[in-house]
Amino acid sequence: MIGFEYARAASVADAVRQMAESPDAKFVDLMKMDVERPAKLIDVSKLPLDQVEETAGGGLRIGALVANSDLAYHPLVERRYPVLSSALLAGASQQLRNMASVGGNLLQRTRCPYFYDLVTPCNKREPGAGCSAVDGLNRMNAILGTSESCIAVHPSDMCVALAVLEATVRVTGPRGERVIALSDFHRLPGDTPQRDTNLEGDELITSVELPARGFAANHTYLKIRDRLSYAFALVSVAVGLELEGGAIRQARFALGGVAHKPWRNAEAEAALQGRAPDEAAFAAAADLMLREARGFGHNTFKIDLARRALVRALSQAARGTPQSQSSKKIT
């Protein structure tokens, strides 16, 4: 039995105050897996952060406690940001989506079996202990942005779509409010793999904001996994395209299941600008995207899988035939 103090926050300000007074406290935890043993758990589930609102600039503000299922089926999201709705519906099960929140999804710890196996060395749990995955069973692990310290992957589907939409994350803490670009929110492992995000330990996510542009016409979220439901991605791809006059005006795409964070490559995206939306252009962009990919034995197959998935996803988006999350049959 793990002993800890429990407290319910009465407001955002109260949550921040309690965290400042208890440096060993947590808003979210890994107590079920015994990976973390916080001295205090601060319950923020009743805070008024469960609204979806339009912003003055034509975008959308999503409260940190909005449930994933509510967000996926929200009419503004379905109509204006369908790649986000699709990514949410691709994740977990309906029961889990009913319980999972936007803020909690952002703060998922990177996925690696050795992180949850307390008897094996893991730099994420104990910095300096070593990475068991590098020479171990690493089929699900990263092929991009890795370091000698860690090859874990970020497990979220939602965040891959948010990367394409160039969302921002609003947080608050003892030093006040600040806004973090989604691209800067999650970290690569480097030599500090114990830190998954750039959120400080005493800060609380209050909302996620989307810009006005949502790629409603040409988008897709393609998730390749071992089984068709309730499984983490081997590789996933979110795509948003703007087409004009038979050419690509703008392209954004991100890979999931391949790195410590959703993976974008500005050079690969820029290579599609002005090009006809055909397989040759998509293959060239995929080659740029995966140019620095490195496999570790069991997961080397993911390099070619990611390349083919990206070409397929770009083709889906260009045709305006996004991947269905109900039938799951890849078009």
Protein backbone atom coordinates (compact mmCIF):
# COMPACT_ATOMS: atom_id res chain seq x y z
CA MET A 1 0.00 0.00 0.00
CA ILE A 2 1.43 3.38 -1.06
CA GLY A 3 0.71 6.12 1.44
CA PHE A 4 -0.03 9.60 0.06
CA GLU A 5 -2.00 12.74 0.85
CA TYR A 6 -5.06 13.53 -1.27
CA ALA A 7 -6.47 17.02 -1.84
CA ARG A 8 -9.11 18.37 -4.22
CA ALA A 9 -8.35 21.74 -5.81
CA ALA A 10 -11.17 24.29 -5.48
CA SER A 11 -9.90 26.46 -8.35
CA VAL A 12 -7.01 26.77 -10.78
CA ALA A 13 -5.35 29.23 -8.40
CA ASP A 14 -5.84 26.81 -5.52
CA ALA A 15 -4.28 23.97 -7.53
CA VAL A 16 -1.24 26.12 -8.31
CA ARG A 17 -0.95 27.19 -4.65
CA GLN A 18 -1.12 23.63 -3.37
CA MET A 19 1.51 22.49 -5.84
CA ALA A 20 3.82 25.35 -4.86
CA GLU A 21 3.48 24.37 -1.21
CA SER A 22 4.15 20.67 -1.90
CA PRO A 23 7.00 20.16 -4.39
CA ASP A 24 6.56 16.37 -4.22
CA ALA A 25 2.90 16.57 -5.23
CA LYS A 26 1.46 15.55 -8.60
CA PHE A 27 -1.56 16.53 -10.68
CA VAL A 28 -1.28 13.25 -12.62
CA ASP A 29 0.51 10.10 -11.60
CA LEU A 30 1.75 6.61 -12.41
CA MET A 31 0.84 5.15 -9.04
CA LYS A 32 -1.05 2.19 -10.52
CA MET A 33 2.17 0.95 -12.10
CA ASP A 34 4.23 1.80 -8.97
CA VAL A 35 6.51 3.86 -11.25
CA GLU A 36 5.85 7.00 -9.24
CA ARG A 37 5.15 7.49 -5.53
CA PRO A 38 4.04 11.09 -5.05
CA ALA A 39 3.69 12.35 -1.50
CA LYS A 40 0.50 14.19 -2.44
CA LEU A 41 -2.04 13.88 -5.23
CA ILE A 42 -3.97 17.04 -6.14
CA ASP A 43 -7.33 16.31 -7.76
CA VAL A 44 -8.08 18.85 -10.52
CA SER A 45 -10.95 16.90 -12.11
CA LYS A 46 -13.65 19.31 -10.87
CA LEU A 47 -12.04 22.52 -12.13
CA PRO A 48 -14.02 24.54 -14.72
CA LEU A 49 -11.77 23.57 -17.63
CA ASP A 50 -14.21 21.48 -19.65
CA GLN A 51 -15.44 23.93 -22.29
CA VAL A 52 -14.82 24.25 -26.04
CA GLU A 53 -15.04 27.88 -27.15
CA GLU A 54 -14.34 29.87 -30.30
CA THR A 55 -11.56 32.45 -30.03
CA ALA A 56 -11.61 36.03 -31.29
CA GLY A 57 -9.18 35.07 -34.05
CA GLY A 58 -11.47 32.39 -35.46
CA GLY A 59 -9.77 29.45 -33.77
CA LEU A 60 -10.85 27.15 -30.97
CA ARG A 61 -9.97 27.04 -27.27
CA ILE A 62 -10.28 23.58 -25.72
CA GLY A 63 -10.29 23.23 -21.95
CA ALA A 64 -7.77 20.82 -20.45
CA LEU A 65 -10.54 18.70 -18.89
CA VAL A 66 -12.61 18.23 -22.05
CA ALA A 67 -13.09 14.49 -22.51
CA ASN A 68 -11.55 12.97 -25.63
CA SER A 69 -14.89 11.53 -26.73
CA ASP A 70 -16.67 14.89 -26.30
CA LEU A 71 -13.97 16.62 -28.33
CA ALA A 72 -14.01 14.02 -31.11
CA TYR A 73 -17.75 14.48 -31.64
CA HIS A 74 -17.90 18.23 -31.06
CA PRO A 75 -19.57 19.77 -34.13
CA LEU A 76 -16.94 22.52 -34.52
CA VAL A 77 -14.13 19.98 -34.37
CA GLU A 78 -15.82 17.57 -36.77
CA ARG A 79 -16.49 20.36 -39.26
CA ARG A 80 -13.38 22.54 -39.01
CA TYR A 81 -10.66 20.22 -37.60
CA PRO A 82 -11.64 16.73 -38.79
CA VAL A 83 -8.06 15.43 -38.62
CA LEU A 84 -8.21 15.95 -34.84
CA SER A 85 -11.57 14.20 -34.56
CA SER A 86 -10.23 11.28 -36.59
CA ALA A 87 -7.07 10.97 -34.49
CA LEU A 88 -9.09 10.94 -31.27
CA LEU A 89 -11.39 8.22 -32.60
CA ALA A 90 -8.35 6.16 -33.57
CA GLY A 91 -7.09 6.15 -30.00
CA ALA A 92 -7.84 3.67 -27.22
CA SER A 93 -11.44 2.44 -26.72
CA GLN A 94 -14.71 4.33 -26.37
CA GLN A 95 -14.70 3.69 -22.62
CA LEU A 96 -11.23 5.18 -22.23
CA ARG A 97 -12.05 8.13 -24.50
CA ASN A 98 -14.99 8.89 -22.24
CA MET A 99 -12.62 9.19 -19.27
CA ALA A 100 -9.47 10.60 -20.87
CA SER A 101 -8.98 14.37 -20.95
CA VAL A 102 -7.13 16.64 -23.34
CA GLY A 103 -4.63 17.67 -20.67
CA GLY A 104 -4.07 14.08 -19.59
CA ASN A 105 -3.54 13.02 -23.21
CA LEU A 106 -0.84 15.66 -23.62
CA LEU A 107 0.90 14.41 -20.49
CA GLN A 108 1.02 10.70 -21.33
CA ARG A 109 4.44 9.33 -20.52
CA THR A 110 6.40 8.00 -23.46
CA ARG A 111 5.77 4.33 -24.17
CA CYS A 112 8.37 1.64 -23.51
CA PRO A 113 7.86 -1.70 -21.74
CA TYR A 114 11.09 -1.30 -19.80
CA PHE A 115 9.85 1.96 -18.27
CA TYR A 116 7.03 0.03 -16.60
CA ASP A 117 9.20 -2.99 -15.69
CA LEU A 118 10.65 -1.98 -12.34
CA VAL A 119 13.32 -4.67 -12.29
CA THR A 120 15.08 -3.52 -15.49
CA PRO A 121 17.34 -0.47 -15.92
CA CYS A 122 15.62 2.59 -17.38
CA ASN A 123 16.99 6.10 -17.69
CA LYS A 124 13.46 7.52 -17.62
CA ARG A 125 12.81 6.08 -14.17
CA GLU A 126 16.35 6.37 -12.84
CA PRO A 127 18.68 8.67 -14.80
CA GLY A 128 22.04 7.04 -15.39
CA ALA A 129 20.73 3.49 -14.98
CA GLY A 130 20.95 2.69 -18.71
CA CYS A 131 18.46 1.97 -21.49
CA SER A 132 17.36 -1.67 -21.63
CA ALA A 133 15.47 -1.14 -24.89
CA VAL A 134 18.49 -0.35 -27.07
CA ASP A 135 19.67 -3.97 -27.01
CA GLY A 136 16.38 -5.45 -25.84
CA LEU A 137 12.93 -6.09 -27.26
CA ASN A 138 12.38 -2.80 -29.03
CA ARG A 139 9.76 -3.55 -31.69
CA MET A 140 7.53 -0.64 -30.58
CA ASN A 141 10.35 1.82 -29.94
CA ALA A 142 11.57 4.94 -31.74
CA ILE A 143 13.41 5.25 -35.05
CA LEU A 144 13.76 9.06 -35.09
CA GLY A 145 15.14 11.56 -32.60
CA THR A 146 16.62 8.87 -30.39
CA SER A 147 19.64 9.16 -28.10
CA GLU A 148 21.94 6.73 -26.34
CA SER A 149 19.86 7.38 -23.23
CA CYS A 150 16.39 6.52 -24.54
CA ILE A 151 14.46 5.16 -27.55
CA ALA A 152 10.92 5.38 -26.11
CA VAL A 153 8.03 6.70 -28.21
CA HIS A 154 5.24 9.15 -27.49
CA PRO A 155 1.96 7.16 -27.53
CA SER A 156 -0.67 9.84 -28.20
CA ASP A 157 -2.80 9.91 -31.35
CA MET A 158 -4.32 13.28 -30.49
CA CYS A 159 -0.95 15.01 -30.28
CA VAL A 160 0.04 13.93 -33.79
CA ALA A 161 -2.99 15.77 -35.17
CA LEU A 162 -2.32 18.76 -32.90
CA ALA A 163 1.19 18.94 -34.35
CA VAL A 164 -0.21 19.28 -37.88
CA LEU A 165 -2.69 21.92 -36.70
CA GLU A 166 0.15 23.80 -34.97
CA ALA A 167 -1.77 24.03 -31.72
CA THR A 168 -0.58 25.92 -28.67
CA VAL A 169 -0.80 24.87 -25.02
CA ARG A 170 -1.74 27.40 -22.35
CA VAL A 171 -0.36 26.69 -18.87
CA THR A 172 -0.35 28.44 -15.52
CA GLY A 173 1.87 28.25 -12.48
CA PRO A 174 3.34 30.32 -9.63
CA ARG A 175 5.13 32.56 -12.16
CA GLY A 176 1.93 33.27 -14.06
CA GLU A 177 0.54 32.11 -17.40
CA ARG A 178 2.47 31.22 -20.53
CA VAL A 179 1.81 29.70 -23.93
CA ILE A 180 3.88 26.82 -25.33
CA ALA A 181 3.78 25.84 -29.00
CA LEU A 182 2.81 22.19 -29.37
CA SER A 183 6.05 21.67 -31.30
CA ASP A 184 7.97 22.77 -28.19
CA PHE A 185 5.77 21.11 -25.58
CA HIS A 186 7.19 17.58 -25.87
CA ARG A 187 10.92 16.93 -25.74
CA LEU A 188 13.37 14.62 -27.45
CA PRO A 189 15.21 12.41 -24.94
CA GLY A 190 18.76 13.73 -25.35
CA ASP A 191 20.56 13.13 -22.06
CA THR A 192 17.48 13.97 -19.95
CA PRO A 193 14.96 11.28 -20.95
CA GLN A 194 13.22 11.56 -17.57
CA ARG A 195 11.61 14.77 -18.87
CA ASP A 196 8.92 14.15 -21.47
CA THR A 197 7.71 17.75 -21.73
CA ASN A 198 8.79 21.34 -21.16
CA LEU A 199 5.98 21.81 -18.64
CA GLU A 200 7.48 22.68 -15.27
CA GLY A 201 6.56 20.48 -12.32
CA ASP A 202 4.52 23.23 -10.67
CA GLU A 203 2.57 24.21 -13.79
CA LEU A 204 -0.95 23.15 -14.79
CA ILE A 205 -2.32 22.89 -18.34
CA THR A 206 -5.49 24.98 -18.65
CA SER A 207 -6.30 24.80 -22.37
CA VAL A 208 -5.20 23.97 -25.91
CA GLU A 209 -5.79 26.50 -28.68
CA LEU A 210 -6.19 25.78 -32.39
CA PRO A 211 -5.67 28.38 -35.14
CA ALA A 212 -8.42 29.17 -37.62
CA ARG A 213 -6.96 26.96 -40.35
CA GLY A 214 -7.98 23.33 -39.95
CA PHE A 215 -7.41 21.60 -43.32
CA ALA A 216 -11.05 20.54 -43.43
CA ALA A 217 -11.04 19.66 -47.16
CA ASN A 218 -7.83 17.65 -47.50
CA HIS A 219 -6.73 15.72 -44.45
CA THR A 220 -6.33 12.24 -43.03
CA TYR A 221 -5.21 10.33 -39.95
CA LEU A 222 -3.82 6.91 -40.76
CA LYS A 223 -2.87 4.56 -37.93
CA ILE A 224 -1.03 1.29 -38.52
CA ARG A 225 -1.19 -1.11 -35.57
CA ASP A 226 -1.09 -4.78 -34.70
CA ARG A 227 -4.86 -4.99 -34.26
CA LEU A 228 -7.62 -2.73 -35.50
CA SER A 229 -8.76 -1.40 -32.15
CA TYR A 230 -7.37 -0.55 -28.73
CA ALA A 231 -3.71 -0.71 -29.70
CA PHE A 232 -0.84 1.75 -29.81
CA ALA A 233 0.44 2.79 -33.22
CA LEU A 234 3.37 1.10 -34.83
CA VAL A 235 3.28 4.12 -37.11
CA SER A 236 0.64 6.81 -37.49
CA VAL A 237 0.40 9.77 -39.88
CA ALA A 238 -1.58 13.00 -39.67
CA VAL A 239 -1.77 15.09 -42.84
CA GLY A 240 -3.22 18.47 -43.75
CA LEU A 241 -2.96 19.83 -47.31
CA GLU A 242 -4.04 22.99 -49.09
CA LEU A 243 -4.45 22.51 -52.85
CA GLU A 244 -4.71 25.26 -55.43
CA GLY A 245 -4.79 25.01 -59.20
CA GLY A 246 -3.81 21.36 -59.23
CA ALA A 247 -0.74 21.91 -57.03
CA ILE A 248 0.09 21.77 -53.34
CA ARG A 249 0.00 25.22 -51.79
CA GLN A 250 0.85 24.04 -48.27
CA ALA A 251 1.59 20.68 -46.70
CA ARG A 252 1.83 19.68 -43.07
CA PHE A 253 2.32 16.14 -41.86
CA ALA A 254 3.47 14.43 -38.70
CA LEU A 255 4.40 10.89 -37.75
CA GLY A 256 3.38 9.18 -34.53
CA GLY A 257 4.76 6.00 -32.99
CA VAL A 258 8.27 6.75 -34.25
CA ALA A 259 9.80 9.25 -31.83
CA HIS A 260 9.76 10.73 -28.31
CA LYS A 261 7.34 13.37 -29.67
CA PRO A 262 5.15 13.84 -32.76
CA TRP A 263 7.63 14.06 -35.62
CA ARG A 264 7.57 16.80 -38.26
CA ASN A 265 10.21 17.79 -40.80
CA ALA A 266 10.04 21.30 -42.26
CA GLU A 267 12.28 20.40 -45.20
CA ALA A 268 10.05 17.49 -46.22
CA GLU A 269 6.94 19.66 -45.98
CA ALA A 270 8.51 22.48 -47.99
CA ALA A 271 9.53 20.03 -50.71
CA LEU A 272 5.86 19.52 -51.57
CA GLN A 273 5.01 23.19 -52.08
CA GLY A 274 4.16 23.86 -55.71
CA ARG A 275 4.35 20.18 -56.62
CA ALA A 276 1.57 18.16 -58.21
CA PRO A 277 -0.04 15.88 -55.58
CA ASP A 278 1.28 12.63 -57.04
CA GLU A 279 3.06 9.57 -55.71
CA ALA A 280 6.49 10.68 -56.96
CA ALA A 281 6.30 13.91 -54.96
CA PHE A 282 4.99 12.06 -51.90
CA ALA A 283 7.75 9.43 -52.08
CA ALA A 284 10.42 12.14 -52.26
CA ALA A 285 8.92 13.87 -49.22
CA ALA A 286 8.82 10.56 -47.33
CA ASP A 287 12.50 9.96 -48.12
CA LEU A 288 13.35 13.36 -46.65
CA MET A 289 11.17 12.71 -43.62
CA LEU A 290 12.93 9.44 -42.83
CA ARG A 291 16.43 10.29 -44.00
CA GLU A 292 17.84 10.13 -40.46
CA ALA A 293 15.75 7.19 -39.26
CA ARG A 294 17.63 4.45 -37.42
CA GLY A 295 16.38 1.04 -36.42
CA PHE A 296 17.51 -1.00 -33.42
CA GLY A 297 16.90 -4.51 -34.69
CA HIS A 298 13.35 -5.50 -33.80
CA ASN A 299 11.94 -2.14 -34.93
CA THR A 300 13.94 -1.59 -38.14
CA PHE A 301 10.88 -2.60 -40.17
CA LYS A 302 9.21 0.62 -39.00
CA ILE A 303 11.40 2.72 -41.30
CA ASP A 304 9.90 1.26 -44.47
CA LEU A 305 6.47 1.02 -42.83
CA ALA A 306 6.58 4.74 -41.99
CA ARG A 307 7.66 5.61 -45.53
CA ARG A 308 4.80 3.66 -47.11
CA ALA A 309 2.27 4.92 -44.56
CA LEU A 310 3.25 8.54 -45.23
CA VAL A 311 2.87 8.12 -49.01
CA ARG A 312 -0.51 6.46 -48.48
CA ALA A 313 -1.70 9.16 -46.07
CA LEU A 314 -0.61 11.99 -48.36
CA SER A 315 -2.47 10.31 -51.21
CA GLN A 316 -5.63 9.97 -49.08
CA ALA A 317 -5.50 13.64 -48.12
CA ALA A 318 -4.88 14.80 -51.68
CA ARG A 319 -7.86 12.81 -52.96
CA GLY A 320 -10.08 14.15 -50.19
CA THR A 321 -10.79 10.60 -49.02
CA PRO A 322 -9.63 10.54 -45.39
CA GLN A 323 -9.11 7.30 -43.54
CA SER A 324 -12.31 6.01 -41.92
CA GLN A 325 -12.05 5.31 -38.20
CA SER A 326 -15.19 3.15 -38.22
CA SER A 327 -14.37 0.54 -40.86
CA LYS A 328 -10.55 0.86 -40.40
CA LYS A 329 -10.04 -0.50 -43.94
CA ILE A 330 -7.10 1.37 -45.46
CA THR A 331 -8.14 3.13 -48.66
